[in-house]
């Protein structure tokens, strides 16, 4: 059965907690030699469910997830986050608790928030893709339907993956300055009017591309090499799956443990539209409007300017300059499926969650 209660944190946020309560108080540790034991028997699983992500009916999803994981032998707790503050509180609670697997149930922003809290710890990140695009889930071989994702949680491998970091903030797909942060501001406004969807995202991009772009004067140091560029967009990619979905070159950079850094040439509104349409219909392989740099470490400054809006996995933050990017190699344990495209490192038998 399910038991629910609320937890109030010191900052005043209330968090709805649902726990699957079994007839027996605890499971014994799973005996590896017992092939009849449920796959997750004795495993503690905490699910951070973002009520604001793209997929509707979150309460029903929470009940279904809890019932499935319990049937697999897991001690399951659902942390339902309905606001940004509740999400932060849920992530902190899950990271500080005794869970073996912490599941990010939401979009890529939710995944990045949970991943940041689990970095360089023994805890394992699980993913239930409930967002709009779900690029990280695809890259680690997690199906986009809930039941398929639950099967990976139950029977998938535990591996290590690399993530990106800028000024101490973690991202799993991308980070950028310039046009894309402007697009995110417009997208949030569009979401409030018509709801979250891919159509809303594309409409937002169209509105931003109608305006004359602002050009940034950047000083970039990429693995020791210095560049000066005037550009409307600098985009740092950490997920080859996302690049492949838009037919953008640079996947080989990520596969070799580096960022794919894209610097757009100075373009007019008309040429920006031409690039956007090409990306949508044909992809950007061979496009001369983008300069590609592969780098494991990147520093970005702008003369005397001190702060800038930065996009990270679809979320916005204002950061101090210079921006310092680095790849955190094999720093995150994840539950991955057979179709994973992101480079992974297999964990030794004693180094992962049950």
C-alpha atoms as a PDB file:
ATOM      1  CA  UNK A   1       0.000   0.000   0.000  1.00  0.00           C
ATOM      2  CA  UNK A   2       1.008   3.677  -0.280  1.00  0.00           C
ATOM      3  CA  UNK A   3       1.499   6.027   2.647  1.00  0.00           C
ATOM      4  CA  UNK A   4       1.753   9.805   2.142  1.00  0.00           C
ATOM      5  CA  UNK A   5       2.839  12.718   4.304  1.00  0.00           C
ATOM      6  CA  UNK A   6       4.305  16.194   4.019  1.00  0.00           C
ATOM      7  CA  UNK A   7       7.739  17.403   5.033  1.00  0.00           C
ATOM      8  CA  UNK A   8       8.423  21.078   5.781  1.00  0.00           C
ATOM      9  CA  UNK A   9      11.983  22.276   5.214  1.00  0.00           C
ATOM     10  CA  UNK A  10      13.711  25.138   7.020  1.00  0.00           C
ATOM     11  CA  UNK A  11      13.133  27.446   4.025  1.00  0.00           C
ATOM     12  CA  UNK A  12       9.368  26.953   4.384  1.00  0.00           C
ATOM     13  CA  UNK A  13       8.860  24.593   1.422  1.00  0.00           C
ATOM     14  CA  UNK A  14       6.484  21.684   1.872  1.00  0.00           C
ATOM     15  CA  UNK A  15       7.203  18.452   0.042  1.00  0.00           C
ATOM     16  CA  UNK A  16       4.693  15.689  -0.668  1.00  0.00           C
ATOM     17  CA  UNK A  17       6.240  12.294   0.068  1.00  0.00           C
ATOM     18  CA  UNK A  18       4.733   8.947  -0.902  1.00  0.00           C
ATOM     19  CA  UNK A  19       6.316   5.687   0.237  1.00  0.00           C
ATOM     20  CA  UNK A  20       5.469   2.153  -0.747  1.00  0.00           C
ATOM     21  CA  UNK A  21       4.935   0.299   2.537  1.00  0.00           C
ATOM     22  CA  UNK A  22       5.319  -3.482   2.326  1.00  0.00           C
ATOM     23  CA  UNK A  23       3.912  -6.181   4.554  1.00  0.00           C
ATOM     24  CA  UNK A  24       7.453  -6.783   5.807  1.00  0.00           C
ATOM     25  CA  UNK A  25       9.272  -3.785   7.231  1.00  0.00           C
ATOM     26  CA  UNK A  26      12.466  -4.313   5.210  1.00  0.00           C
ATOM     27  CA  UNK A  27      13.848  -6.511   2.507  1.00  0.00           C
ATOM     28  CA  UNK A  28      17.037  -8.444   3.136  1.00  0.00           C
ATOM     29  CA  UNK A  29      20.029  -7.684   0.971  1.00  0.00           C
ATOM     30  CA  UNK A  30      19.541  -9.228  -2.463  1.00  0.00           C
ATOM     31  CA  UNK A  31      21.349 -12.573  -2.790  1.00  0.00           C
ATOM     32  CA  UNK A  32      23.117 -12.370  -6.150  1.00  0.00           C
ATOM     33  CA  UNK A  33      22.999 -16.137  -6.620  1.00  0.00           C
ATOM     34  CA  UNK A  34      19.214 -16.322  -6.179  1.00  0.00           C
ATOM     35  CA  UNK A  35      17.790 -16.010  -9.692  1.00  0.00           C
ATOM     36  CA  UNK A  36      14.213 -16.027  -8.311  1.00  0.00           C
ATOM     37  CA  UNK A  37      14.656 -12.806  -6.316  1.00  0.00           C
ATOM     38  CA  UNK A  38      13.019  -9.645  -7.749  1.00  0.00           C
ATOM     39  CA  UNK A  39      15.591  -7.594  -9.709  1.00  0.00           C
ATOM     40  CA  UNK A  40      15.581  -4.691  -7.225  1.00  0.00           C
ATOM     41  CA  UNK A  41      15.072  -6.628  -4.012  1.00  0.00           C
ATOM     42  CA  UNK A  42      16.620  -4.734  -1.111  1.00  0.00           C
ATOM     43  CA  UNK A  43      17.342  -1.656  -3.266  1.00  0.00           C
ATOM     44  CA  UNK A  44      16.273   1.753  -1.934  1.00  0.00           C
ATOM     45  CA  UNK A  45      14.843   3.901  -4.744  1.00  0.00           C
ATOM     46  CA  UNK A  46      13.874   7.550  -4.363  1.00  0.00           C
ATOM     47  CA  UNK A  47      11.961   9.187  -7.233  1.00  0.00           C
ATOM     48  CA  UNK A  48      12.053  12.982  -7.679  1.00  0.00           C
ATOM     49  CA  UNK A  49       8.952  13.652  -9.790  1.00  0.00           C
ATOM     50  CA  UNK A  50       8.707  17.134 -11.310  1.00  0.00           C
ATOM     51  CA  UNK A  51       5.005  17.971 -11.536  1.00  0.00           C
ATOM     52  CA  UNK A  52       5.780  20.880 -13.913  1.00  0.00           C
ATOM     53  CA  UNK A  53       7.459  18.837 -16.666  1.00  0.00           C
ATOM     54  CA  UNK A  54       5.816  18.227 -20.042  1.00  0.00           C
ATOM     55  CA  UNK A  55       3.912  14.968 -19.511  1.00  0.00           C
ATOM     56  CA  UNK A  56       0.432  15.351 -17.898  1.00  0.00           C
ATOM     57  CA  UNK A  57      -1.193  13.187 -15.189  1.00  0.00           C
ATOM     58  CA  UNK A  58       1.800  13.206 -12.821  1.00  0.00           C
ATOM     59  CA  UNK A  59      -0.176  11.826  -9.869  1.00  0.00           C
ATOM     60  CA  UNK A  60      -1.173   8.748 -11.874  1.00  0.00           C
ATOM     61  CA  UNK A  61       2.412   8.386 -13.119  1.00  0.00           C
ATOM     62  CA  UNK A  62       3.672   8.509  -9.527  1.00  0.00           C
ATOM     63  CA  UNK A  63       1.293   5.746  -8.432  1.00  0.00           C
ATOM     64  CA  UNK A  64       2.223   3.584 -11.416  1.00  0.00           C
ATOM     65  CA  UNK A  65       5.957   4.047 -10.850  1.00  0.00           C
ATOM     66  CA  UNK A  66       5.659   3.252  -7.160  1.00  0.00           C
ATOM     67  CA  UNK A  67       3.611   0.115  -7.809  1.00  0.00           C
ATOM     68  CA  UNK A  68       6.028  -1.152 -10.475  1.00  0.00           C
ATOM     69  CA  UNK A  69       9.195  -0.589  -8.460  1.00  0.00           C
ATOM     70  CA  UNK A  70       7.633  -2.157  -5.397  1.00  0.00           C
ATOM     71  CA  UNK A  71       6.745  -5.231  -7.465  1.00  0.00           C
ATOM     72  CA  UNK A  72      10.437  -5.469  -8.382  1.00  0.00           C
ATOM     73  CA  UNK A  73      11.417  -5.619  -4.717  1.00  0.00           C
ATOM     74  CA  UNK A  74      12.471  -1.993  -4.190  1.00  0.00           C
ATOM     75  CA  UNK A  75      11.755   0.174  -1.161  1.00  0.00           C
ATOM     76  CA  UNK A  76      10.279   3.107  -3.038  1.00  0.00           C
ATOM     77  CA  UNK A  77       9.690   6.714  -2.066  1.00  0.00           C
ATOM     78  CA  UNK A  78       8.122   9.308  -4.402  1.00  0.00           C
ATOM     79  CA  UNK A  79       8.999  12.967  -3.856  1.00  0.00           C
ATOM     80  CA  UNK A  80       6.437  15.042  -5.779  1.00  0.00           C
ATOM     81  CA  UNK A  81       7.717  18.555  -6.558  1.00  0.00           C
ATOM     82  CA  UNK A  82       5.106  21.070  -7.706  1.00  0.00           C
ATOM     83  CA  UNK A  83       7.238  24.246  -7.579  1.00  0.00           C
ATOM     84  CA  UNK A  84      10.869  25.172  -8.243  1.00  0.00           C
ATOM     85  CA  UNK A  85      11.489  25.400  -4.499  1.00  0.00           C
ATOM     86  CA  UNK A  86       9.976  21.979  -3.901  1.00  0.00           C
ATOM     87  CA  UNK A  87      12.138  20.523  -6.655  1.00  0.00           C
ATOM     88  CA  UNK A  88      15.298  21.874  -5.040  1.00  0.00           C
ATOM     89  CA  UNK A  89      14.166  20.510  -1.662  1.00  0.00           C
ATOM     90  CA  UNK A  90      13.347  17.091  -3.133  1.00  0.00           C
ATOM     91  CA  UNK A  91      16.732  16.837  -4.856  1.00  0.00           C
ATOM     92  CA  UNK A  92      18.542  17.799  -1.651  1.00  0.00           C
ATOM     93  CA  UNK A  93      16.553  15.274   0.387  1.00  0.00           C
ATOM     94  CA  UNK A  94      17.196  12.463  -2.081  1.00  0.00           C
ATOM     95  CA  UNK A  95      20.919  13.215  -2.342  1.00  0.00           C
ATOM     96  CA  UNK A  96      21.350  13.329   1.433  1.00  0.00           C
ATOM     97  CA  UNK A  97      19.272  10.202   2.110  1.00  0.00           C
ATOM     98  CA  UNK A  98      20.101   6.511   2.005  1.00  0.00           C
ATOM     99  CA  UNK A  99      18.724   5.753  -1.494  1.00  0.00           C
ATOM    100  CA  UNK A 100      20.815   3.537  -3.749  1.00  0.00           C
ATOM    101  CA  UNK A 101      19.122   4.862  -6.892  1.00  0.00           C
ATOM    102  CA  UNK A 102      17.719   8.389  -7.249  1.00  0.00           C
ATOM    103  CA  UNK A 103      15.350   8.734 -10.196  1.00  0.00           C
ATOM    104  CA  UNK A 104      14.880  12.026 -12.040  1.00  0.00           C
ATOM    105  CA  UNK A 105      11.298  11.922 -13.332  1.00  0.00           C
ATOM    106  CA  UNK A 106      10.929  14.953 -15.589  1.00  0.00           C
ATOM    107  CA  UNK A 107      12.697  16.695 -18.427  1.00  0.00           C
ATOM    108  CA  UNK A 108      16.362  17.414 -19.059  1.00  0.00           C
ATOM    109  CA  UNK A 109      16.386  20.273 -16.542  1.00  0.00           C
ATOM    110  CA  UNK A 110      15.193  17.901 -13.825  1.00  0.00           C
ATOM    111  CA  UNK A 111      17.821  15.352 -14.845  1.00  0.00           C
ATOM    112  CA  UNK A 112      20.567  17.993 -14.639  1.00  0.00           C
ATOM    113  CA  UNK A 113      19.434  19.089 -11.168  1.00  0.00           C
ATOM    114  CA  UNK A 114      19.518  15.525  -9.808  1.00  0.00           C
ATOM    115  CA  UNK A 115      22.764  14.722 -11.623  1.00  0.00           C
ATOM    116  CA  UNK A 116      24.480  17.718 -10.028  1.00  0.00           C
ATOM    117  CA  UNK A 117      23.554  16.461  -6.559  1.00  0.00           C
ATOM    118  CA  UNK A 118      24.791  12.911  -7.269  1.00  0.00           C
ATOM    119  CA  UNK A 119      28.080  13.806  -8.946  1.00  0.00           C
ATOM    120  CA  UNK A 120      31.098  11.904  -7.573  1.00  0.00           C
ATOM    121  CA  UNK A 121      28.941   9.881  -5.146  1.00  0.00           C
ATOM    122  CA  UNK A 122      28.121   6.131  -5.100  1.00  0.00           C
ATOM    123  CA  UNK A 123      24.439   6.880  -5.764  1.00  0.00           C
ATOM    124  CA  UNK A 124      23.043   5.953  -9.173  1.00  0.00           C
ATOM    125  CA  UNK A 125      20.949   8.256 -11.349  1.00  0.00           C
ATOM    126  CA  UNK A 126      17.862   6.724 -12.929  1.00  0.00           C
ATOM    127  CA  UNK A 127      15.815   8.592 -15.559  1.00  0.00           C
ATOM    128  CA  UNK A 128      12.083   8.601 -16.285  1.00  0.00           C
ATOM    129  CA  UNK A 129      11.734  10.882 -19.339  1.00  0.00           C
ATOM    130  CA  UNK A 130       8.663  13.054 -18.755  1.00  0.00           C
ATOM    131  CA  UNK A 131       9.853  16.228 -20.505  1.00  0.00           C
ATOM    132  CA  UNK A 132       9.507  17.662 -24.003  1.00  0.00           C
ATOM    133  CA  UNK A 133      12.739  16.520 -25.690  1.00  0.00           C
ATOM    134  CA  UNK A 134      14.447  14.091 -23.245  1.00  0.00           C
ATOM    135  CA  UNK A 135      17.838  14.118 -24.985  1.00  0.00           C
ATOM    136  CA  UNK A 136      19.773  12.738 -22.014  1.00  0.00           C
ATOM    137  CA  UNK A 137      17.411   9.774 -21.632  1.00  0.00           C
ATOM    138  CA  UNK A 138      17.906   8.902 -25.306  1.00  0.00           C
ATOM    139  CA  UNK A 139      21.682   9.135 -24.987  1.00  0.00           C
ATOM    140  CA  UNK A 140      21.809   6.558 -22.173  1.00  0.00           C
ATOM    141  CA  UNK A 141      19.434   4.137 -23.895  1.00  0.00           C
ATOM    142  CA  UNK A 142      16.295   4.861 -21.867  1.00  0.00           C
ATOM    143  CA  UNK A 143      13.025   4.440 -23.850  1.00  0.00           C
ATOM    144  CA  UNK A 144      10.733   7.465 -23.880  1.00  0.00           C
ATOM    145  CA  UNK A 145       7.673   5.551 -22.629  1.00  0.00           C
ATOM    146  CA  UNK A 146       7.303   5.147 -18.868  1.00  0.00           C
ATOM    147  CA  UNK A 147       7.077   1.346 -18.881  1.00  0.00           C
ATOM    148  CA  UNK A 148      10.173   0.984 -21.051  1.00  0.00           C
ATOM    149  CA  UNK A 149      12.096   3.386 -18.816  1.00  0.00           C
ATOM    150  CA  UNK A 150      11.011   1.418 -15.744  1.00  0.00           C
ATOM    151  CA  UNK A 151      12.371  -1.768 -17.298  1.00  0.00           C
ATOM    152  CA  UNK A 152      15.775  -0.089 -17.649  1.00  0.00           C
ATOM    153  CA  UNK A 153      15.616   0.971 -13.997  1.00  0.00           C
ATOM    154  CA  UNK A 154      14.912  -2.624 -13.033  1.00  0.00           C
ATOM    155  CA  UNK A 155      17.176  -4.565 -15.382  1.00  0.00           C
ATOM    156  CA  UNK A 156      19.585  -2.032 -16.926  1.00  0.00           C
ATOM    157  CA  UNK A 157      23.341  -1.738 -16.395  1.00  0.00           C
ATOM    158  CA  UNK A 158      24.947   0.698 -13.984  1.00  0.00           C
ATOM    159  CA  UNK A 159      27.624   2.676 -15.836  1.00  0.00           C
ATOM    160  CA  UNK A 160      29.570   5.923 -15.511  1.00  0.00           C
ATOM    161  CA  UNK A 161      29.169   8.882 -17.861  1.00  0.00           C
ATOM    162  CA  UNK A 162      30.780  12.295 -18.232  1.00  0.00           C
ATOM    163  CA  UNK A 163      28.938  15.604 -17.800  1.00  0.00           C
ATOM    164  CA  UNK A 164      29.702  19.259 -18.423  1.00  0.00           C
ATOM    165  CA  UNK A 165      30.286  21.957 -15.840  1.00  0.00           C
ATOM    166  CA  UNK A 166      30.427  25.747 -16.094  1.00  0.00           C
ATOM    167  CA  UNK A 167      31.384  27.860 -13.084  1.00  0.00           C
ATOM    168  CA  UNK A 168      30.385  25.002 -10.794  1.00  0.00           C
ATOM    169  CA  UNK A 169      26.988  24.369 -12.457  1.00  0.00           C
ATOM    170  CA  UNK A 170      26.406  20.956 -14.049  1.00  0.00           C
ATOM    171  CA  UNK A 171      24.773  20.368 -17.430  1.00  0.00           C
ATOM    172  CA  UNK A 172      24.153  17.088 -19.245  1.00  0.00           C
ATOM    173  CA  UNK A 173      23.250  18.283 -22.762  1.00  0.00           C
ATOM    174  CA  UNK A 174      24.371  21.826 -23.527  1.00  0.00           C
ATOM    175  CA  UNK A 175      25.144  25.325 -22.332  1.00  0.00           C
ATOM    176  CA  UNK A 176      25.166  28.523 -24.346  1.00  0.00           C
ATOM    177  CA  UNK A 177      25.204  32.315 -24.402  1.00  0.00           C
ATOM    178  CA  UNK A 178      23.651  34.745 -26.854  1.00  0.00           C
ATOM    179  CA  UNK A 179      20.670  33.743 -28.980  1.00  0.00           C
ATOM    180  CA  UNK A 180      19.694  30.605 -27.096  1.00  0.00           C
ATOM    181  CA  UNK A 181      19.171  32.259 -23.676  1.00  0.00           C
ATOM    182  CA  UNK A 182      16.993  34.825 -25.496  1.00  0.00           C
ATOM    183  CA  UNK A 183      15.026  31.932 -27.005  1.00  0.00           C
ATOM    184  CA  UNK A 184      14.516  30.396 -23.553  1.00  0.00           C
ATOM    185  CA  UNK A 185      13.057  33.641 -22.204  1.00  0.00           C
ATOM    186  CA  UNK A 186      10.655  33.749 -25.143  1.00  0.00           C
ATOM    187  CA  UNK A 187       9.839  30.048 -24.742  1.00  0.00           C
ATOM    188  CA  UNK A 188       8.828  30.453 -21.091  1.00  0.00           C
ATOM    189  CA  UNK A 189       6.510  33.293 -22.100  1.00  0.00           C
ATOM    190  CA  UNK A 190       4.991  31.134 -24.853  1.00  0.00           C
ATOM    191  CA  UNK A 191       4.613  28.163 -22.481  1.00  0.00           C
ATOM    192  CA  UNK A 192       2.629  30.314 -20.057  1.00  0.00           C
ATOM    193  CA  UNK A 193       0.228  31.232 -22.858  1.00  0.00           C
ATOM    194  CA  UNK A 194      -0.279  27.936 -24.723  1.00  0.00           C
ATOM    195  CA  UNK A 195       1.372  25.252 -22.578  1.00  0.00           C
ATOM    196  CA  UNK A 196       4.544  23.180 -22.947  1.00  0.00           C
ATOM    197  CA  UNK A 197       5.004  21.454 -26.300  1.00  0.00           C
ATOM    198  CA  UNK A 198       7.417  21.169 -29.210  1.00  0.00           C
ATOM    199  CA  UNK A 199       5.179  23.465 -31.241  1.00  0.00           C
ATOM    200  CA  UNK A 200       5.487  26.137 -28.530  1.00  0.00           C
ATOM    201  CA  UNK A 201       9.256  25.702 -28.586  1.00  0.00           C
ATOM    202  CA  UNK A 202       9.436  26.150 -32.370  1.00  0.00           C
ATOM    203  CA  UNK A 203       7.144  29.213 -32.243  1.00  0.00           C
ATOM    204  CA  UNK A 204       9.446  30.759 -29.652  1.00  0.00           C
ATOM    205  CA  UNK A 205      12.471  30.195 -31.891  1.00  0.00           C
ATOM    206  CA  UNK A 206      10.655  31.857 -34.800  1.00  0.00           C
ATOM    207  CA  UNK A 207       9.881  34.969 -32.731  1.00  0.00           C
ATOM    208  CA  UNK A 208      13.498  35.320 -31.597  1.00  0.00           C
ATOM    209  CA  UNK A 209      14.827  34.903 -35.138  1.00  0.00           C
ATOM    210  CA  UNK A 210      12.644  37.795 -36.336  1.00  0.00           C
ATOM    211  CA  UNK A 211      14.729  40.245 -34.275  1.00  0.00           C
ATOM    212  CA  UNK A 212      18.108  41.627 -35.183  1.00  0.00           C
ATOM    213  CA  UNK A 213      20.619  39.578 -33.162  1.00  0.00           C
ATOM    214  CA  UNK A 214      22.943  41.131 -30.614  1.00  0.00           C
ATOM    215  CA  UNK A 215      26.610  40.345 -31.228  1.00  0.00           C
ATOM    216  CA  UNK A 216      28.950  39.316 -28.438  1.00  0.00           C
ATOM    217  CA  UNK A 217      32.660  40.188 -28.534  1.00  0.00           C
ATOM    218  CA  UNK A 218      34.243  37.106 -27.001  1.00  0.00           C
ATOM    219  CA  UNK A 219      37.722  36.125 -25.957  1.00  0.00           C
ATOM    220  CA  UNK A 220      37.795  32.338 -25.931  1.00  0.00           C
ATOM    221  CA  UNK A 221      40.545  30.034 -24.667  1.00  0.00           C
ATOM    222  CA  UNK A 222      39.995  26.419 -25.779  1.00  0.00           C
ATOM    223  CA  UNK A 223      42.495  23.936 -24.311  1.00  0.00           C
ATOM    224  CA  UNK A 224      45.105  26.689 -24.265  1.00  0.00           C
ATOM    225  CA  UNK A 225      44.413  28.090 -27.766  1.00  0.00           C
ATOM    226  CA  UNK A 226      43.137  31.689 -27.806  1.00  0.00           C
ATOM    227  CA  UNK A 227      40.440  32.992 -30.138  1.00  0.00           C
ATOM    228  CA  UNK A 228      38.703  36.361 -30.518  1.00  0.00           C
ATOM    229  CA  UNK A 229      35.257  36.199 -32.080  1.00  0.00           C
ATOM    230  CA  UNK A 230      32.232  38.427 -32.742  1.00  0.00           C
ATOM    231  CA  UNK A 231      29.168  36.188 -32.665  1.00  0.00           C
ATOM    232  CA  UNK A 232      25.442  36.029 -31.868  1.00  0.00           C
ATOM    233  CA  UNK A 233      25.817  32.563 -30.314  1.00  0.00           C
ATOM    234  CA  UNK A 234      28.312  30.359 -28.524  1.00  0.00           C
ATOM    235  CA  UNK A 235      26.954  26.863 -27.911  1.00  0.00           C
ATOM    236  CA  UNK A 236      28.735  24.183 -25.871  1.00  0.00           C
ATOM    237  CA  UNK A 237      27.460  20.668 -26.605  1.00  0.00           C
ATOM    238  CA  UNK A 238      27.976  17.684 -24.306  1.00  0.00           C
ATOM    239  CA  UNK A 239      25.463  15.217 -25.782  1.00  0.00           C
ATOM    240  CA  UNK A 240      26.161  13.630 -29.168  1.00  0.00           C
ATOM    241  CA  UNK A 241      22.574  12.311 -29.347  1.00  0.00           C
ATOM    242  CA  UNK A 242      21.210  15.859 -29.375  1.00  0.00           C
ATOM    243  CA  UNK A 243      23.618  16.902 -32.117  1.00  0.00           C
ATOM    244  CA  UNK A 244      22.726  13.883 -34.207  1.00  0.00           C
ATOM    245  CA  UNK A 245      18.997  14.613 -33.892  1.00  0.00           C
ATOM    246  CA  UNK A 246      19.560  17.971 -35.618  1.00  0.00           C
ATOM    247  CA  UNK A 247      22.269  16.633 -37.966  1.00  0.00           C
ATOM    248  CA  UNK A 248      24.873  18.935 -36.431  1.00  0.00           C
ATOM    249  CA  UNK A 249      28.548  17.953 -36.702  1.00  0.00           C
ATOM    250  CA  UNK A 250      30.650  17.524 -33.572  1.00  0.00           C
ATOM    251  CA  UNK A 251      29.536  14.190 -32.158  1.00  0.00           C
ATOM    252  CA  UNK A 252      33.090  12.907 -32.476  1.00  0.00           C
ATOM    253  CA  UNK A 253      34.219  15.609 -30.030  1.00  0.00           C
ATOM    254  CA  UNK A 254      31.864  14.299 -27.350  1.00  0.00           C
ATOM    255  CA  UNK A 255      32.689  10.680 -28.090  1.00  0.00           C
ATOM    256  CA  UNK A 256      36.343  11.487 -27.357  1.00  0.00           C
ATOM    257  CA  UNK A 257      35.599  13.134 -23.988  1.00  0.00           C
ATOM    258  CA  UNK A 258      35.505  16.762 -25.151  1.00  0.00           C
ATOM    259  CA  UNK A 259      32.920  19.470 -25.734  1.00  0.00           C
ATOM    260  CA  UNK A 260      31.670  20.350 -29.184  1.00  0.00           C
ATOM    261  CA  UNK A 261      31.867  24.153 -29.146  1.00  0.00           C
ATOM    262  CA  UNK A 262      29.941  26.013 -31.862  1.00  0.00           C
ATOM    263  CA  UNK A 263      30.600  29.676 -32.632  1.00  0.00           C
ATOM    264  CA  UNK A 264      28.192  31.266 -35.105  1.00  0.00           C
ATOM    265  CA  UNK A 265      29.490  33.697 -37.705  1.00  0.00           C
ATOM    266  CA  UNK A 266      28.034  37.253 -37.579  1.00  0.00           C
ATOM    267  CA  UNK A 267      24.740  36.866 -39.452  1.00  0.00           C
ATOM    268  CA  UNK A 268      21.830  39.036 -40.548  1.00  0.00           C
ATOM    269  CA  UNK A 269      18.233  38.134 -39.705  1.00  0.00           C
ATOM    270  CA  UNK A 270      17.747  36.690 -43.200  1.00  0.00           C
ATOM    271  CA  UNK A 271      20.847  34.493 -42.934  1.00  0.00           C
ATOM    272  CA  UNK A 272      19.861  33.340 -39.437  1.00  0.00           C
ATOM    273  CA  UNK A 273      16.537  32.180 -40.870  1.00  0.00           C
ATOM    274  CA  UNK A 274      18.373  30.386 -43.673  1.00  0.00           C
ATOM    275  CA  UNK A 275      20.545  28.569 -41.144  1.00  0.00           C
ATOM    276  CA  UNK A 276      17.545  27.691 -38.946  1.00  0.00           C
ATOM    277  CA  UNK A 277      15.574  26.292 -41.889  1.00  0.00           C
ATOM    278  CA  UNK A 278      18.582  24.327 -43.077  1.00  0.00           C
ATOM    279  CA  UNK A 279      19.027  22.876 -39.575  1.00  0.00           C
ATOM    280  CA  UNK A 280      15.352  21.886 -39.454  1.00  0.00           C
ATOM    281  CA  UNK A 281      15.086  20.305 -42.908  1.00  0.00           C
ATOM    282  CA  UNK A 282      18.618  19.196 -43.857  1.00  0.00           C
ATOM    283  CA  UNK A 283      20.896  19.492 -40.839  1.00  0.00           C
ATOM    284  CA  UNK A 284      24.056  21.552 -40.504  1.00  0.00           C
ATOM    285  CA  UNK A 285      26.781  19.196 -41.713  1.00  0.00           C
ATOM    286  CA  UNK A 286      29.057  21.280 -43.919  1.00  0.00           C
ATOM    287  CA  UNK A 287      27.430  24.600 -42.957  1.00  0.00           C
ATOM    288  CA  UNK A 288      30.006  27.414 -43.190  1.00  0.00           C
ATOM    289  CA  UNK A 289      28.040  29.636 -40.794  1.00  0.00           C
ATOM    290  CA  UNK A 290      29.210  27.611 -37.773  1.00  0.00           C
ATOM    291  CA  UNK A 291      32.761  27.253 -36.515  1.00  0.00           C
ATOM    292  CA  UNK A 292      33.364  24.023 -34.568  1.00  0.00           C
ATOM    293  CA  UNK A 293      36.015  23.699 -31.863  1.00  0.00           C
ATOM    294  CA  UNK A 294      36.634  20.551 -29.791  1.00  0.00           C
ATOM    295  CA  UNK A 295      37.875  21.233 -26.248  1.00  0.00           C
ATOM    296  CA  UNK A 296      37.908  19.633 -22.813  1.00  0.00           C
ATOM    297  CA  UNK A 297      38.339  22.993 -21.068  1.00  0.00           C
ATOM    298  CA  UNK A 298      37.023  26.358 -22.220  1.00  0.00           C
ATOM    299  CA  UNK A 299      37.213  29.885 -20.835  1.00  0.00           C
ATOM    300  CA  UNK A 300      35.007  32.684 -22.172  1.00  0.00           C
ATOM    301  CA  UNK A 301      35.368  36.374 -21.286  1.00  0.00           C
ATOM    302  CA  UNK A 302      33.969  39.655 -22.682  1.00  0.00           C
ATOM    303  CA  UNK A 303      36.343  42.506 -21.915  1.00  0.00           C
ATOM    304  CA  UNK A 304      35.062  44.484 -18.923  1.00  0.00           C
ATOM    305  CA  UNK A 305      31.661  42.867 -18.838  1.00  0.00           C
ATOM    306  CA  UNK A 306      31.103  41.058 -15.544  1.00  0.00           C
ATOM    307  CA  UNK A 307      27.876  39.018 -15.859  1.00  0.00           C
ATOM    308  CA  UNK A 308      25.921  37.251 -18.581  1.00  0.00           C
ATOM    309  CA  UNK A 309      22.808  35.087 -19.000  1.00  0.00           C
ATOM    310  CA  UNK A 310      23.743  31.457 -19.556  1.00  0.00           C
ATOM    311  CA  UNK A 311      21.485  28.616 -20.718  1.00  0.00           C
ATOM    312  CA  UNK A 312      22.019  25.167 -19.199  1.00  0.00           C
ATOM    313  CA  UNK A 313      19.823  22.263 -20.357  1.00  0.00           C
ATOM    314  CA  UNK A 314      16.867  24.549 -21.009  1.00  0.00           C
ATOM    315  CA  UNK A 315      17.220  26.528 -17.772  1.00  0.00           C
ATOM    316  CA  UNK A 316      18.545  30.074 -17.364  1.00  0.00           C
ATOM    317  CA  UNK A 317      21.152  31.381 -14.933  1.00  0.00           C
ATOM    318  CA  UNK A 318      23.084  34.646 -14.624  1.00  0.00           C
ATOM    319  CA  UNK A 319      26.782  33.957 -14.129  1.00  0.00           C
ATOM    320  CA  UNK A 320      29.963  35.858 -13.424  1.00  0.00           C
ATOM    321  CA  UNK A 321      32.487  36.199 -16.236  1.00  0.00           C
ATOM    322  CA  UNK A 322      34.766  34.627 -17.234  1.00  0.00           C
ATOM    323  CA  UNK A 323      32.840  31.414 -17.845  1.00  0.00           C
ATOM    324  CA  UNK A 324      34.976  28.372 -17.112  1.00  0.00           C
ATOM    325  CA  UNK A 325      33.813  25.150 -18.731  1.00  0.00           C
ATOM    326  CA  UNK A 326      35.247  21.685 -18.106  1.00  0.00           C
ATOM    327  CA  UNK A 327      34.297  18.089 -18.811  1.00  0.00           C
ATOM    328  CA  UNK A 328      33.795  15.999 -15.662  1.00  0.00           C
ATOM    329  CA  UNK A 329      35.017  12.643 -16.949  1.00  0.00           C
ATOM    330  CA  UNK A 330      33.116   9.517 -15.762  1.00  0.00           C
ATOM    331  CA  UNK A 331      31.781  11.411 -12.744  1.00  0.00           C
ATOM    332  CA  UNK A 332      28.147  10.227 -12.720  1.00  0.00           C
ATOM    333  CA  UNK A 333      26.713   6.739 -12.150  1.00  0.00           C
ATOM    334  CA  UNK A 334      23.640   6.105 -14.322  1.00  0.00           C
ATOM    335  CA  UNK A 335      21.217   3.294 -15.046  1.00  0.00           C
ATOM    336  CA  UNK A 336      21.592   2.821 -18.804  1.00  0.00           C
ATOM    337  CA  UNK A 337      19.876   0.701 -21.438  1.00  0.00           C
ATOM    338  CA  UNK A 338      21.173  -1.357 -24.376  1.00  0.00           C
ATOM    339  CA  UNK A 339      20.695   1.475 -26.879  1.00  0.00           C
ATOM    340  CA  UNK A 340      23.028   3.942 -25.126  1.00  0.00           C
ATOM    341  CA  UNK A 341      24.980   6.215 -27.484  1.00  0.00           C
ATOM    342  CA  UNK A 342      26.784   8.276 -24.827  1.00  0.00           C
ATOM    343  CA  UNK A 343      30.271   6.965 -23.981  1.00  0.00           C
ATOM    344  CA  UNK A 344      29.986   4.922 -20.777  1.00  0.00           C
ATOM    345  CA  UNK A 345      32.395   3.173 -18.419  1.00  0.00           C
ATOM    346  CA  UNK A 346      31.264  -0.100 -16.852  1.00  0.00           C
ATOM    347  CA  UNK A 347      31.326  -0.145 -13.054  1.00  0.00           C
ATOM    348  CA  UNK A 348      33.028  -2.926 -11.157  1.00  0.00           C
ATOM    349  CA  UNK A 349      30.652  -5.314  -9.415  1.00  0.00           C
ATOM    350  CA  UNK A 350      31.172  -3.795  -5.989  1.00  0.00           C
ATOM    351  CA  UNK A 351      31.026  -0.151  -7.018  1.00  0.00           C
ATOM    352  CA  UNK A 352      27.387   0.287  -7.960  1.00  0.00           C
ATOM    353  CA  UNK A 353      23.995   0.248  -6.323  1.00  0.00           C
ATOM    354  CA  UNK A 354      22.414  -3.122  -5.821  1.00  0.00           C
END
